[in-house]
Protein backbone atom coordinates (compact mmCIF):
# COMPACT_ATOMS: atom_id res chain seq x y z
CA MET A 1 -22.39 194.98 168.92
CA PHE A 2 -24.96 193.54 166.44
CA PHE A 3 -24.39 190.86 163.80
CA SER A 4 -26.82 190.83 161.05
CA THR A 5 -25.89 187.45 159.91
CA THR A 6 -24.09 184.24 161.34
CA LEU A 7 -24.07 181.22 159.55
CA ILE A 8 -22.90 178.01 161.36
CA THR A 9 -22.58 174.95 159.54
CA LEU A 10 -20.93 171.86 160.66
CA PHE A 11 -20.58 169.15 157.64
CA LEU A 12 -19.00 165.69 157.84
CA ALA A 13 -16.83 164.87 154.22
CA GLY A 14 -18.79 162.37 152.04
CA LEU A 15 -18.32 159.01 151.46
CA SER A 16 -18.16 157.73 147.94
CA GLN A 17 -20.81 159.06 145.83
CA ALA A 18 -22.38 155.69 144.22
CA ALA A 19 -20.96 151.89 144.49
CA PRO A 20 -20.24 150.63 141.24
CA THR A 21 -22.01 147.73 139.70
CA SER A 22 -20.60 144.61 137.66
CA SER A 23 -22.36 144.08 134.05
CA ASN A 24 -24.72 141.17 135.70
CA ALA A 25 -26.15 143.10 138.23
CA THR A 26 -29.74 144.29 138.43
CA SER A 27 -32.33 146.55 140.10
CA THR A 28 -33.61 143.78 141.78
CA VAL A 29 -31.82 142.67 145.19
CA SER A 30 -31.37 138.96 145.01
CA THR A 31 -29.81 136.63 147.57
CA PRO A 32 -26.45 135.80 146.39
CA THR A 33 -24.87 132.52 146.13
CA SER A 34 -21.08 131.18 145.28
CA SER A 35 -21.81 131.25 141.51
CA THR A 36 -22.81 134.09 141.62
CA VAL A 37 -20.36 136.95 140.91
CA LEU A 38 -21.37 140.05 143.35
CA PRO A 39 -21.28 143.61 141.97
CA ALA A 40 -17.71 145.27 143.15
CA GLN A 41 -17.80 148.12 145.59
CA SER A 42 -15.87 151.39 145.04
CA THR A 43 -12.18 151.01 145.86
CA THR A 44 -12.17 154.53 146.44
CA ALA A 45 -11.38 155.44 150.17
CA PRO A 46 -13.74 158.23 152.17
CA GLN A 47 -11.97 161.74 151.67
CA ASN A 48 -12.12 162.92 155.00
CA ASN A 49 -13.22 160.65 158.29
CA THR A 50 -13.17 163.51 160.51
CA ALA A 51 -15.88 166.51 161.86
CA THR A 52 -15.20 169.64 160.87
CA ALA A 53 -16.67 172.80 162.13
CA LYS A 54 -17.01 175.72 158.93
CA PHE A 55 -18.30 179.18 160.45
CA SER A 56 -19.26 182.24 158.07
CA ALA A 57 -20.01 185.82 159.09
CA SER A 58 -20.44 188.96 158.00
CA ASN A 59 -20.36 192.75 159.13
CA PHE A 60 -17.65 191.85 161.69
CA THR A 61 -15.30 194.60 162.37
CA ASP A 62 -12.32 193.50 165.00
CA VAL A 63 -14.04 190.42 166.82
CA LYS A 64 -13.01 187.10 165.50
CA PRO A 65 -15.06 183.64 166.33
CA THR A 66 -13.16 181.39 168.71
CA ILE A 67 -13.71 177.86 169.18
CA ASN A 68 -13.60 176.91 173.38
CA PRO A 69 -10.14 175.80 173.08
CA ASN A 70 -11.33 172.46 175.71
CA ILE A 71 -12.89 170.80 173.38
CA THR A 72 -10.88 168.48 170.84
CA ILE A 73 -11.90 167.40 167.93
CA GLN A 74 -10.90 163.46 167.57
CA SER A 75 -11.78 159.94 166.06
CA LEU A 76 -13.76 157.93 168.08
CA THR A 77 -15.36 154.71 168.09
CA LYS A 78 -18.23 155.73 170.59
CA PRO A 79 -19.35 159.34 170.50
CA LEU A 80 -18.13 161.92 173.55
CA THR A 81 -20.63 162.35 176.19
CA ASN A 82 -22.61 166.15 175.26
CA PRO A 83 -19.65 167.25 173.04
CA GLU A 84 -20.23 170.66 172.56
CA PHE A 85 -18.35 174.33 171.88
CA HIS A 86 -18.84 178.10 172.00
CA LEU A 87 -18.88 180.27 168.96
CA LEU A 88 -18.19 183.28 171.37
CA PRO A 89 -17.66 183.76 175.13
CA GLY A 90 -21.39 184.05 176.46
CA TRP A 91 -23.21 182.37 173.51
CA PRO A 92 -25.36 179.52 173.68
CA LYS A 93 -23.43 175.83 173.62
CA ILE A 94 -23.88 174.05 170.15
CA PRO A 95 -23.89 170.45 170.41
CA ILE A 96 -21.10 168.70 168.22
CA HIS A 97 -21.31 165.01 166.42
CA LEU A 98 -18.26 163.17 165.90
CA ILE A 99 -18.09 160.86 163.39
CA THR A 100 -17.79 157.22 165.12
CA CYS A 101 -17.22 153.82 163.44
CA GLN A 102 -21.32 153.36 163.91
CA ASP A 103 -21.43 156.58 161.44
CA LEU A 104 -19.28 154.72 158.90
CA ILE A 105 -20.85 151.39 158.88
CA ASP A 106 -23.98 152.56 158.16
CA ALA A 107 -22.38 154.32 155.76
CA LYS A 108 -21.13 151.95 154.33
CA ALA A 109 -23.87 149.70 154.39
CA THR A 110 -25.83 152.32 152.23
CA LEU A 111 -23.42 152.25 149.79
CA LEU A 112 -23.25 148.12 149.55
CA LYS A 113 -26.69 147.76 150.50
CA VAL A 114 -27.48 145.29 146.72
CA ASN A 115 -24.62 143.37 147.99
CA VAL A 116 -25.44 143.25 152.19
CA GLY A 117 -28.91 143.43 152.31
CA THR A 118 -30.52 144.66 155.17
CA PRO A 119 -29.55 144.74 158.99
CA ALA A 120 -29.86 140.95 160.61
CA SER A 121 -28.47 142.70 164.05
CA GLY A 122 -27.35 145.90 166.04
CA PHE A 123 -23.60 147.02 166.70
CA ILE A 124 -21.59 144.62 168.38
CA SER A 125 -18.67 145.07 170.19
CA ASP A 126 -16.25 142.68 169.68
CA PRO A 127 -13.39 143.13 172.65
CA SER A 128 -11.22 140.61 171.82
CA TRP A 129 -10.39 142.59 168.33
CA GLY A 130 -11.34 146.35 169.27
CA THR A 131 -13.91 146.52 166.83
CA VAL A 132 -17.83 147.52 166.45
CA HIS A 133 -19.33 145.66 163.74
CA LYS A 134 -23.17 145.09 162.35
CA ASP A 135 -24.88 141.62 160.54
CA TYR A 136 -26.54 142.32 157.72
CA ALA A 137 -28.77 139.63 155.75
CA TRP A 138 -25.95 138.73 153.46
CA GLY A 139 -22.83 139.77 155.05
CA SER A 140 -21.19 141.63 157.85
CA ILE A 141 -19.29 145.08 158.13
CA TYR A 142 -16.45 146.17 160.38
CA CYS A 143 -14.78 148.93 161.91
CA HIS A 144 -11.79 148.93 164.21
CA ASP A 145 -11.37 152.64 164.19
CA VAL A 146 -12.62 155.33 162.27
CA SER A 147 -8.84 156.19 160.54
CA HIS A 148 -9.06 152.94 158.77
CA GLY A 149 -12.75 152.99 158.26
CA ALA A 150 -15.40 150.39 157.73
CA HIS A 151 -14.89 147.15 155.78
CA ALA A 152 -17.66 144.74 153.86
CA VAL A 153 -17.21 141.47 153.78
CA TYR A 154 -20.13 139.53 151.84
CA GLY A 155 -21.52 136.48 149.59
CA ALA A 156 -19.66 133.57 149.15
CA ILE A 157 -16.46 134.57 150.72
CA TRP A 158 -18.30 135.92 153.86
CA LEU A 159 -19.94 132.25 153.81
CA LYS A 160 -16.91 130.78 154.14
CA TRP A 161 -15.66 133.13 156.68
CA LYS A 162 -18.52 132.52 158.60
CA ALA A 163 -18.14 129.01 158.53
CA GLN A 164 -14.41 129.62 160.39
CA GLY A 165 -16.15 130.09 163.57
CA GLY A 166 -14.89 133.36 164.65
CA SER A 167 -11.23 132.43 164.16
CA TYR A 168 -10.05 134.22 160.74
CA GLY A 169 -9.46 137.63 162.04
CA TYR A 170 -11.83 140.95 160.78
CA PRO A 171 -11.78 142.13 157.38
CA LEU A 172 -9.39 144.48 156.75
CA THR A 173 -10.51 145.30 153.00
CA ASP A 174 -13.99 145.44 151.37
CA GLU A 175 -14.37 142.88 149.11
CA LEU A 176 -11.75 143.78 145.79
CA GLY A 177 -11.37 142.24 142.71
CA THR A 178 -8.53 140.94 140.25
CA THR A 179 -7.26 138.57 137.66
CA ASP A 180 -4.59 136.12 137.17
CA ASN A 181 -2.74 135.89 133.95
CA SER A 182 -5.27 134.04 132.16
CA GLY A 183 -7.89 136.67 132.56
CA THR A 184 -9.86 134.79 135.67
CA TYR A 185 -12.03 137.04 137.51
CA ILE A 186 -11.14 136.36 141.40
CA ARG A 187 -12.72 138.07 144.29
CA TYR A 188 -11.07 138.56 147.82
CA ASN A 189 -11.14 140.23 151.21
CA VAL A 190 -7.64 140.77 153.26
CA PHE A 191 -8.80 139.69 157.24
CA SER A 192 -6.32 140.50 159.94
CA ASP A 193 -3.75 138.34 161.63
CA ASN A 194 -2.09 137.91 157.96
CA ARG A 195 -5.46 135.96 156.73
CA ALA A 196 -7.28 136.25 153.23
CA ILE A 197 -10.24 134.39 151.17
CA TYR A 198 -9.65 134.18 147.59
CA TRP A 199 -12.86 133.31 145.33
CA THR A 200 -13.76 132.28 141.70
CA GLY A 201 -16.71 131.10 140.17
CA GLN A 202 -15.01 128.44 138.68
CA ARG A 203 -13.55 127.11 142.12
CA GLY A 204 -15.18 128.85 145.26
CA ALA A 205 -13.72 130.70 148.10
CA PHE A 206 -10.67 129.28 149.88
CA LEU A 207 -8.76 130.13 152.62
CA ILE A 208 -4.61 131.20 152.80
CA TYR A 209 -3.13 132.55 155.84
CA GLY A 210 0.31 132.64 157.46
CA ASP A 211 3.54 131.49 155.64
CA ILE A 212 2.01 130.22 152.90
CA TYR A 213 -0.29 133.49 152.01
CA GLN A 214 3.27 135.91 152.69
CA ARG A 215 5.42 133.48 150.15
CA TRP A 216 2.89 133.65 147.48
CA LEU A 217 2.21 137.45 147.88
CA SER A 218 6.52 137.55 147.21
CA ILE A 219 6.26 135.41 144.17
CA GLY A 220 3.38 137.64 142.38
CA ASP A 221 0.03 135.96 144.19
CA THR A 222 -2.56 135.84 141.72
CA LYS A 223 0.28 136.86 138.54
CA SER A 224 2.34 134.27 139.88
CA GLU A 225 3.24 131.11 137.47
CA ILE A 226 1.32 129.13 140.12
CA GLY A 227 -2.07 130.94 139.65
CA TYR A 228 -4.80 131.51 142.30
CA PRO A 229 -5.65 129.66 145.38
CA ILE A 230 -7.85 126.34 144.75
CA THR A 231 -7.33 124.81 148.22
CA ASP A 232 -7.69 125.71 152.02
CA GLU A 233 -4.12 125.47 153.75
CA THR A 234 -4.20 121.78 154.17
CA GLY A 235 -2.23 119.52 156.92
CA SER A 236 -0.05 116.41 154.81
CA GLY A 237 1.56 113.67 155.94
CA SER A 238 2.94 112.61 159.26
CA ALA A 239 5.73 115.52 159.50
CA GLY A 240 3.57 118.64 160.46
CA GLY A 241 3.61 119.67 156.56
CA ARG A 242 1.00 122.05 155.13
CA PHE A 243 0.17 123.44 151.67
CA ASN A 244 -2.04 125.32 149.49
CA ASP A 245 -3.06 124.12 145.58
CA PHE A 246 -3.06 126.74 143.20
CA SER A 247 -4.58 126.64 140.01
CA ASN A 248 -0.59 125.98 138.26
CA GLY A 249 1.24 124.47 141.09
CA MET A 250 1.72 124.04 144.88
CA ILE A 251 3.06 125.81 148.17
CA TYR A 252 4.61 123.32 150.78
CA TYR A 253 5.09 124.60 154.37
CA HIS A 254 7.36 122.74 157.12
CA ALA A 255 9.31 123.54 159.89
CA GLY A 256 9.84 127.82 158.94
CA GLN A 257 10.52 126.78 155.13
CA SER A 258 8.39 126.84 151.99
CA TRP A 259 8.85 125.70 148.47
CA VAL A 260 6.65 126.18 145.37
CA HIS A 261 5.96 123.85 142.80
CA VAL A 262 4.71 125.38 139.53
CA GLY A 263 2.48 122.72 137.45
CA GLY A 264 0.01 119.78 138.58
CA LEU A 265 1.13 117.35 140.95
CA PRO A 266 3.17 114.51 139.29
CA SER A 267 2.71 110.84 139.65
CA SER A 268 6.41 110.23 139.37
CA LEU A 269 9.71 111.35 140.29
CA THR A 270 12.94 110.09 138.55
CA TRP A 271 16.60 110.66 139.21
CA THR A 272 19.18 109.42 136.80
CA TRP A 273 23.03 109.30 137.55
CA ASN A 274 24.64 108.11 134.22
CA PRO A 275 27.91 108.15 134.05
CA ILE A 276 28.61 106.47 137.31
CA SER A 277 32.74 106.12 137.10
CA LEU A 278 34.86 104.21 139.03
CA THR A 279 38.08 102.91 138.66
CA ASP A 280 38.23 100.27 135.91
CA ILE A 281 34.20 99.89 136.72
CA SER A 282 31.67 102.29 134.91
CA GLY A 283 27.73 102.34 134.38
CA SER A 284 24.20 103.93 135.55
CA SER A 285 21.82 104.27 137.94
CA SER A 286 18.21 105.60 138.01
CA VAL A 287 15.68 105.75 140.36
CA THR A 288 11.83 106.51 140.28
CA LEU A 289 9.39 106.92 143.25
CA TYR A 290 5.64 106.93 142.63
CA SER A 291 2.95 108.51 144.16
CA ASP A 292 1.17 105.01 145.05
CA GLY A 293 4.43 104.54 147.23
CA ASN A 294 6.36 102.19 144.69
CA ALA A 295 10.36 102.84 143.82
CA HIS A 296 11.77 101.58 140.79
CA TRP A 297 15.46 100.93 140.55
CA MET A 298 17.81 100.05 137.59
CA SER A 299 21.46 99.73 137.05
CA SER A 300 23.78 98.81 134.95
CA MET A 301 28.01 97.96 136.21
CA HIS A 302 30.53 97.40 133.30
CA ASP A 303 34.29 95.68 134.18
CA HIS A 304 36.68 96.91 131.90
CA ILE A 305 39.45 94.61 132.50
CA ALA A 306 40.05 91.26 133.37
CA ILE A 307 39.47 91.22 137.24
CA GLN A 308 36.77 90.56 139.07
CA PHE A 309 35.24 93.53 141.56
CA ASN A 310 32.73 93.90 144.14
CA TRP A 311 30.74 97.44 143.62
CA GLN A 312 27.92 99.02 145.65
CA ILE A 313 25.62 102.26 145.18
CA GLY A 314 23.50 103.82 147.51
CA TRP A 315 20.60 106.98 146.89
CA LEU A 316 19.40 108.79 149.28
CA PHE A 317 16.03 110.84 149.11
CA VAL A 318 14.74 113.79 151.20
CA ASN A 319 11.55 115.33 151.42
CA ALA A 320 10.50 118.90 152.34
CA ASP A 321 9.70 117.23 155.85
CA GLY A 322 12.78 116.28 156.57
CA THR A 323 11.95 112.32 156.15
CA ALA A 324 15.03 110.31 154.07
CA ILE A 325 14.69 107.00 152.25
CA THR A 326 17.77 105.34 151.19
CA LEU A 327 17.88 102.79 147.87
CA MET A 328 21.32 100.61 148.38
CA GLN A 329 22.12 97.66 145.95
CA SER A 330 25.46 95.63 145.79
CA GLY A 331 27.09 92.93 143.31
CA THR A 332 30.08 92.12 141.24
CA VAL A 333 31.26 92.57 137.93
CA GLY A 334 33.56 91.21 135.55
CA PRO A 335 36.14 89.96 134.84
CA ASN A 336 35.79 91.21 131.37
CA TYR A 337 37.47 88.77 128.97
CA SER A 338 36.18 90.60 125.95
CA GLY A 339 39.36 92.10 124.77
CA ILE A 340 41.59 89.09 125.56
CA PRO A 341 42.32 86.98 122.49
CA ILE A 342 42.35 83.35 124.00
CA PHE A 343 39.30 83.95 126.29
CA GLY A 344 36.69 86.20 124.00
CA GLY A 345 34.29 85.57 126.82
CA PRO A 346 31.67 87.64 128.10
CA THR A 347 31.90 90.85 129.68
CA ASN A 348 29.98 89.66 132.93
CA ASP A 349 28.27 92.81 133.23
CA ASN A 350 26.22 93.43 136.29
CA ASN A 351 22.34 94.47 135.94
CA ILE A 352 19.29 95.05 138.22
CA ASP A 353 15.50 95.94 137.84
CA ARG A 354 13.59 95.70 140.57
CA TRP A 355 10.86 97.68 142.07
CA VAL A 356 10.27 97.90 145.87
CA ASN A 357 7.02 99.93 147.88
CA ASN A 358 7.10 101.67 151.01
CA PRO A 359 3.56 103.17 151.72
CA GLU A 360 5.19 106.49 153.36
CA ILE A 361 6.30 107.51 149.95
CA ALA A 362 2.35 107.57 149.02
CA TYR A 363 1.37 108.99 152.36
CA ASP A 364 3.77 112.44 152.00
CA TRP A 365 3.73 112.46 148.34
CA ARG A 366 3.50 116.49 148.51
CA ALA A 367 6.43 116.62 150.53
CA TRP A 368 8.39 115.09 148.10
CA VAL A 369 7.11 116.68 145.28
CA ALA A 370 7.90 120.01 147.09
CA SER A 371 11.70 119.22 147.71
CA ASN A 372 12.70 116.24 145.62
CA TYR A 373 16.14 116.27 146.90
CA GLY A 374 18.11 112.66 145.76
CA THR A 375 21.87 112.20 146.41
CA GLY A 376 24.13 109.05 145.19
CA HIS A 377 27.54 107.78 146.53
CA ALA A 378 29.42 104.62 144.78
CA HIS A 379 32.29 103.02 145.68
CA GLY A 380 34.25 99.92 144.23
CA SER A 381 34.51 97.76 147.22
CA ILE A 382 31.63 96.67 150.02
CA ASP A 383 31.69 99.08 152.89
CA TRP A 384 27.59 99.80 153.64
CA GLY A 385 28.28 102.05 157.10
CA ASN A 386 30.76 104.63 155.26
CA LEU A 387 28.21 104.78 152.15
CA LEU A 388 25.16 105.80 154.34
CA ASN A 389 27.11 108.28 156.15
CA GLU A 390 28.52 109.70 152.92
CA LEU A 391 24.73 110.10 151.81
CA ILE A 392 23.09 111.27 154.98
CA ASN A 393 26.41 114.16 155.52
CA ASP A 394 25.19 115.25 151.86
CA ALA A 395 21.84 115.54 152.50
CA LYS A 396 22.18 117.76 155.55
CA ALA A 397 24.39 119.98 153.69
CA VAL A 398 21.34 120.91 151.46
CA TYR A 399 18.53 120.14 153.89
CA GLY A 400 19.77 120.18 157.86
CA ALA A 401 16.64 118.74 159.12
CA VAL A 402 17.25 115.38 158.08
CA THR A 403 14.95 113.80 160.81
CA THR A 404 14.95 110.02 160.14
CA ILE A 405 15.70 107.76 157.53
CA ILE A 406 12.15 105.41 157.12
CA ALA A 407 13.11 102.77 155.33
CA VAL A 408 16.27 100.82 153.28
CA LEU A 409 14.76 99.99 150.23
CA ALA A 410 17.01 97.32 148.73
């Protein structure tokens, strides 16, 4: 049988046609710095990451081309050893090149040449991650498997990522762009192991990961009230607390719980109890804690009848680390003779205005801001043990991990 024309074409689907550039990009390649907004790459995913065999033939009457059924085209991170197929039984073997992670890395490097620069290494295998990567003058490109493609990290984010010494996972995205509610331009990469790095020209690049990262994503990430990260995740205090500061707030984490604080870190926290109502006694009380460790206590108690009474007031404050502080005062109020014509005497009110200091307040200040829980109890008699138990039980009903009372301030 004679075949006049047989055309055999193997083609790979194209990647993105060209990388878009930012408004300040030029045709000259220069070394990026942390203050340079790098040109953004296309976020369009490759349309096809698998090899395709395409056949076109003429003058066939009753014979159809067949592919050797023993050959399977599949996604690989390394090429097969001499893959091949037969157009027809008995015809010469034709080699197949299957798309690999190495191909995708090279293609991404071409697409983002202005961002990553020239190659600085060959292909490197990463057994612990199951990835292949290649380093460049200003970045790195990683591929875990062909189906997910190759992803680049470069510029200031790359430098921050490199500084973690290989402990921060591999990139799951290319560098992407977004904004906050004020229009601040933000760049970021997402990495394996629940990690990300966010960068702004105003602040630089910062790490966010784990439970704090997930809490931030759940409230709207850069579009949330607290904005974008402006610190790395950092330890706080002596009880294992962790936090990230954001452009308009903070997320604090301890022992499986997280708290969101909107706004700047305050220098003081105030609790006010007014009125305090007991049998024949009334009054008010307020406590202010300060970031320098000071605590300011003010109370005023008033007797309504011509009988003298003992009184006691207790406050208990619990921070996000489960640390508790108590403030307790007692006194005697009355008798109140103001309503008796014969005496016409004073009311004999009992007033307190006192300052105390505990360095633990200052040391764990972020934990106090995160969970600014306070509860107060008052009695018309003196029973410190009963009062303290009432305060602690109240606190545990709200925050079960009340670990210790660090001081009694009174």
